Amino acid sequence: MKILLVEDDQMIGEVVLDTLRAEQWAVDWVKDGEMAETALATGDYDLVLLDLGLPRKDGLAVLRDLRARQVRVPVLVATARDAVADRVAGLDAGADDYIVKPYDIDELLARIRALVRRASGRAEPSYSWGDVRITPATREVTVKGEPVSLSAREWAVLEPLIARPGRVLSRPQLEEKLYSWRDEVSSNAVEVYVHGIRKKLGSGLIQNVRGLGYLVPKEEA
């Protein structure tokens, strides 16, 4: 999963960045509204964690412009503006949820997982395909009830595919889930991680779509 963190407070931003990366999520961090718009125009994100009180361009304006372009990425507003009117304004501008600073880290992570789950069209906290079952909140993976250990990068490739069976993701799209701006991208990384997943979870789980990318089929063959 890849997240855009939009936060101008250096101390808060560093804590949240470290927390999200500890979850093995790829994170890009920008500190003002104009940089946020540039990132959103050029990157593919699973969620935006958006502060409202930003320099150069206010967070609400960023949010309104994002929705005006019909970009559907989930947006979690994180703000110290705790008046009801400010929360209503954020939701009416297109936010999917909000969290008030100072916030509890566990609550933040739970809200992120819930929004991403909702965006994939799922309400249940676990995903299943055949004998494979994964639980994002705990990163547990089982095959026929037996636990299987995946590396952080293998998890990052598997989760977006199994969350939406039948949807093809290209190699560049999967690389977006693996790497933030600071990371060096290996040319064959996706192929390596797909190979590792197949060895651990079965060769039929992830299928190649020639010239397009990879998918988890809607029904087991």
Protein backbone atom coordinates (compact mmCIF):
# COMPACT_ATOMS: atom_id res chain seq x y z
CA MET A 1 0.00 0.00 0.00
CA LYS A 2 1.20 3.51 -0.81
CA ILE A 3 0.21 6.57 1.20
CA LEU A 4 0.64 10.29 0.60
CA LEU A 5 1.29 12.07 3.90
CA VAL A 6 0.51 15.79 3.73
CA GLU A 7 1.71 17.39 6.96
CA ASP A 8 3.63 20.63 7.55
CA ASP A 9 4.50 20.02 11.22
CA GLN A 10 7.99 18.48 11.21
CA MET A 11 7.67 16.62 14.51
CA ILE A 12 4.24 15.16 13.75
CA GLY A 13 5.28 14.29 10.21
CA GLU A 14 8.37 12.39 11.34
CA VAL A 15 6.41 10.37 13.91
CA VAL A 16 3.66 9.48 11.44
CA LEU A 17 6.14 8.71 8.67
CA ASP A 18 8.07 6.31 10.90
CA THR A 19 4.82 4.71 12.08
CA LEU A 20 3.48 4.12 8.58
CA ARG A 21 6.79 2.78 7.32
CA ALA A 22 6.96 0.44 10.31
CA GLU A 23 3.74 -1.03 8.89
CA GLN A 24 5.75 -1.69 5.71
CA TRP A 25 3.73 0.81 3.70
CA ALA A 26 5.37 2.98 1.06
CA VAL A 27 4.98 6.64 2.07
CA ASP A 28 5.65 9.94 0.31
CA TRP A 29 5.68 13.01 2.59
CA VAL A 30 4.97 16.56 1.40
CA LYS A 31 4.66 19.66 3.57
CA ASP A 32 2.41 22.10 1.72
CA GLY A 33 -0.69 22.15 -0.43
CA GLU A 34 0.99 22.85 -3.74
CA MET A 35 3.43 19.96 -3.28
CA ALA A 36 0.46 17.77 -2.41
CA GLU A 37 -1.25 18.64 -5.68
CA THR A 38 1.91 17.87 -7.64
CA ALA A 39 2.26 14.49 -5.91
CA LEU A 40 -1.39 13.62 -6.52
CA ALA A 41 -1.08 14.54 -10.20
CA THR A 42 1.92 12.29 -10.72
CA GLY A 43 1.60 9.44 -8.21
CA ASP A 44 -0.78 6.55 -7.62
CA TYR A 45 -1.82 6.39 -3.96
CA ASP A 46 -4.08 4.09 -1.99
CA LEU A 47 -4.81 6.78 0.61
CA VAL A 48 -4.08 10.42 1.41
CA LEU A 49 -3.53 11.51 5.01
CA LEU A 50 -4.26 15.22 4.71
CA ASP A 51 -3.68 18.02 7.21
CA LEU A 52 -5.94 21.05 6.69
CA GLY A 53 -3.77 23.89 7.98
CA LEU A 54 -1.15 23.87 5.22
CA PRO A 55 1.09 26.61 3.82
CA ARG A 56 0.84 27.78 0.20
CA LYS A 57 -2.54 26.10 -0.30
CA ASP A 58 -5.06 25.11 2.36
CA GLY A 59 -5.90 21.45 2.76
CA LEU A 60 -9.59 22.03 2.11
CA ALA A 61 -8.75 23.66 -1.21
CA VAL A 62 -6.52 20.72 -2.12
CA LEU A 63 -9.35 18.35 -1.26
CA ARG A 64 -11.98 20.26 -3.23
CA ASP A 65 -9.75 20.42 -6.31
CA LEU A 66 -8.97 16.71 -6.00
CA ARG A 67 -12.65 15.78 -5.97
CA ALA A 68 -13.42 18.25 -8.75
CA ARG A 69 -11.03 16.19 -10.92
CA GLN A 70 -13.05 13.11 -9.89
CA VAL A 71 -10.07 11.45 -8.23
CA ARG A 72 -11.51 8.82 -5.90
CA VAL A 73 -8.52 8.07 -3.69
CA PRO A 74 -9.62 7.77 -0.02
CA VAL A 75 -8.77 10.88 2.00
CA LEU A 76 -8.37 10.83 5.78
CA VAL A 77 -8.31 14.38 7.13
CA ALA A 78 -6.05 14.83 10.15
CA THR A 79 -6.44 18.23 11.73
CA ALA A 80 -6.26 20.20 14.94
CA ARG A 81 -9.38 22.05 13.84
CA ASP A 82 -11.70 20.28 16.24
CA ALA A 83 -14.77 22.47 15.84
CA VAL A 84 -17.76 20.64 14.41
CA ALA A 85 -18.01 23.14 11.55
CA ASP A 86 -14.45 22.32 10.44
CA ARG A 87 -15.09 18.59 10.50
CA VAL A 88 -18.31 19.07 8.52
CA ALA A 89 -16.49 21.26 6.00
CA GLY A 90 -13.88 18.55 5.45
CA LEU A 91 -16.45 15.82 4.97
CA ASP A 92 -18.55 17.98 2.65
CA ALA A 93 -15.44 18.80 0.61
CA GLY A 94 -14.95 15.10 -0.09
CA ALA A 95 -13.05 13.61 2.84
CA ASP A 96 -13.88 9.99 3.60
CA ASP A 97 -13.11 10.25 7.31
CA TYR A 98 -11.34 12.50 9.80
CA ILE A 99 -9.17 12.18 12.87
CA VAL A 100 -8.50 15.02 15.32
CA LYS A 101 -4.99 15.85 16.52
CA PRO A 102 -3.48 14.76 18.79
CA TYR A 103 -4.59 11.31 17.70
CA ASP A 104 -3.85 7.83 18.92
CA ILE A 105 -1.57 5.95 16.52
CA ASP A 106 -3.52 2.69 16.80
CA GLU A 107 -6.72 4.54 15.91
CA LEU A 108 -4.99 6.18 12.96
CA LEU A 109 -3.82 2.82 11.60
CA ALA A 110 -7.26 1.27 12.10
CA ARG A 111 -8.95 4.12 10.22
CA ILE A 112 -6.47 3.80 7.37
CA ARG A 113 -7.12 0.07 7.07
CA ALA A 114 -10.89 0.61 7.19
CA LEU A 115 -10.82 3.26 4.45
CA VAL A 116 -8.64 1.18 2.15
CA ARG A 117 -10.85 -1.85 2.77
CA ARG A 118 -13.95 0.18 1.97
CA ALA A 119 -12.35 1.55 -1.21
CA SER A 120 -11.75 -2.01 -2.41
CA GLY A 121 -15.45 -2.77 -1.94
CA ARG A 122 -14.99 -5.05 1.05
CA ALA A 123 -16.41 -4.81 4.55
CA GLU A 124 -14.82 -7.91 6.03
CA PRO A 125 -11.40 -7.56 7.74
CA SER A 126 -9.90 -10.60 5.98
CA TYR A 127 -9.54 -11.66 2.34
CA SER A 128 -9.80 -15.24 1.12
CA TRP A 129 -8.96 -16.99 -2.13
CA GLY A 130 -9.27 -20.74 -2.20
CA ASP A 131 -7.31 -22.06 0.78
CA VAL A 132 -5.45 -18.77 1.23
CA ARG A 133 -6.61 -16.26 3.83
CA ILE A 134 -4.95 -12.94 4.71
CA THR A 135 -5.77 -10.48 7.49
CA PRO A 136 -4.33 -7.01 6.82
CA ALA A 137 -4.68 -5.74 10.41
CA THR A 138 -2.37 -8.44 11.75
CA ARG A 139 -0.59 -9.37 8.50
CA GLU A 140 -1.46 -12.98 9.09
CA VAL A 141 -1.42 -15.33 6.10
CA THR A 142 -2.64 -18.91 6.25
CA VAL A 143 -2.97 -21.76 3.75
CA LYS A 144 -5.50 -24.40 4.81
CA GLY A 145 -5.35 -22.86 8.26
CA GLU A 146 -1.57 -23.15 8.55
CA PRO A 147 0.41 -19.92 9.00
CA VAL A 148 2.75 -18.83 6.21
CA SER A 149 5.40 -16.13 6.55
CA LEU A 150 5.66 -13.50 3.81
CA SER A 151 8.31 -10.82 3.57
CA ALA A 152 7.18 -7.18 3.76
CA ARG A 153 7.66 -6.74 0.02
CA GLU A 154 5.84 -9.97 -0.82
CA TRP A 155 2.95 -8.74 1.32
CA ALA A 156 2.97 -5.37 -0.48
CA VAL A 157 2.57 -7.15 -3.82
CA LEU A 158 -0.03 -9.67 -2.68
CA GLU A 159 -2.40 -7.40 -0.74
CA PRO A 160 -3.58 -5.13 -3.61
CA LEU A 161 -4.04 -8.11 -5.92
CA ILE A 162 -6.03 -10.30 -3.54
CA ALA A 163 -8.10 -7.33 -2.32
CA ARG A 164 -9.63 -6.97 -5.81
CA PRO A 165 -9.75 -10.33 -7.58
CA GLY A 166 -9.99 -10.00 -11.34
CA ARG A 167 -8.31 -6.60 -11.48
CA VAL A 168 -5.06 -6.50 -13.47
CA LEU A 169 -2.19 -4.50 -11.99
CA SER A 170 0.78 -3.69 -14.19
CA ARG A 171 4.37 -3.97 -13.02
CA PRO A 172 4.67 -0.16 -12.63
CA GLN A 173 1.46 -0.12 -10.57
CA LEU A 174 2.82 -2.80 -8.26
CA GLU A 175 6.14 -0.97 -8.02
CA GLU A 176 4.15 2.03 -6.77
CA LYS A 177 2.95 -0.13 -3.87
CA LEU A 178 6.52 -1.16 -3.06
CA TYR A 179 8.52 2.03 -3.21
CA SER A 180 8.42 5.61 -1.99
CA TRP A 181 10.40 8.47 -3.58
CA ARG A 182 13.51 7.76 -1.54
CA ASP A 183 13.74 4.10 -2.56
CA GLU A 184 15.78 2.69 -5.42
CA VAL A 185 13.62 0.54 -7.70
CA SER A 186 15.01 -2.81 -8.78
CA SER A 187 14.15 -3.65 -12.38
CA ASN A 188 12.93 -7.19 -11.67
CA ALA A 189 11.65 -6.74 -8.11
CA VAL A 190 8.00 -7.48 -8.86
CA GLU A 191 8.85 -10.71 -10.68
CA VAL A 192 11.03 -11.83 -7.76
CA TYR A 193 8.30 -11.20 -5.18
CA VAL A 194 5.59 -12.83 -7.31
CA HIS A 195 7.82 -15.89 -7.64
CA GLY A 196 8.25 -15.99 -3.85
CA ILE A 197 4.50 -15.69 -3.25
CA ARG A 198 3.76 -18.51 -5.68
CA LYS A 199 6.25 -20.80 -3.96
CA LYS A 200 4.65 -20.17 -0.57
CA LEU A 201 0.95 -19.88 -1.47
CA GLY A 202 0.55 -21.87 -4.67
CA SER A 203 1.26 -21.27 -8.34
CA GLY A 204 -2.37 -20.52 -9.23
CA LEU A 205 -2.88 -17.60 -6.88
CA ILE A 206 -1.23 -14.89 -8.99
CA GLN A 207 -1.59 -15.18 -12.75
CA ASN A 208 0.28 -13.40 -15.53
CA VAL A 209 -1.74 -11.45 -18.08
CA ARG A 210 0.58 -11.24 -21.06
CA GLY A 211 1.63 -7.70 -21.85
CA LEU A 212 -0.52 -6.23 -19.05
CA GLY A 213 0.56 -7.44 -15.64
CA TYR A 214 -0.74 -9.68 -12.88
CA LEU A 215 -4.04 -10.61 -11.26
CA VAL A 216 -5.63 -12.85 -8.69
CA PRO A 217 -8.51 -14.54 -10.56
CA LYS A 218 -12.05 -14.05 -9.31
CA GLU A 219 -12.55 -17.78 -8.95
CA GLU A 220 -10.09 -20.53 -8.36
CA ALA A 221 -9.36 -22.43 -11.55
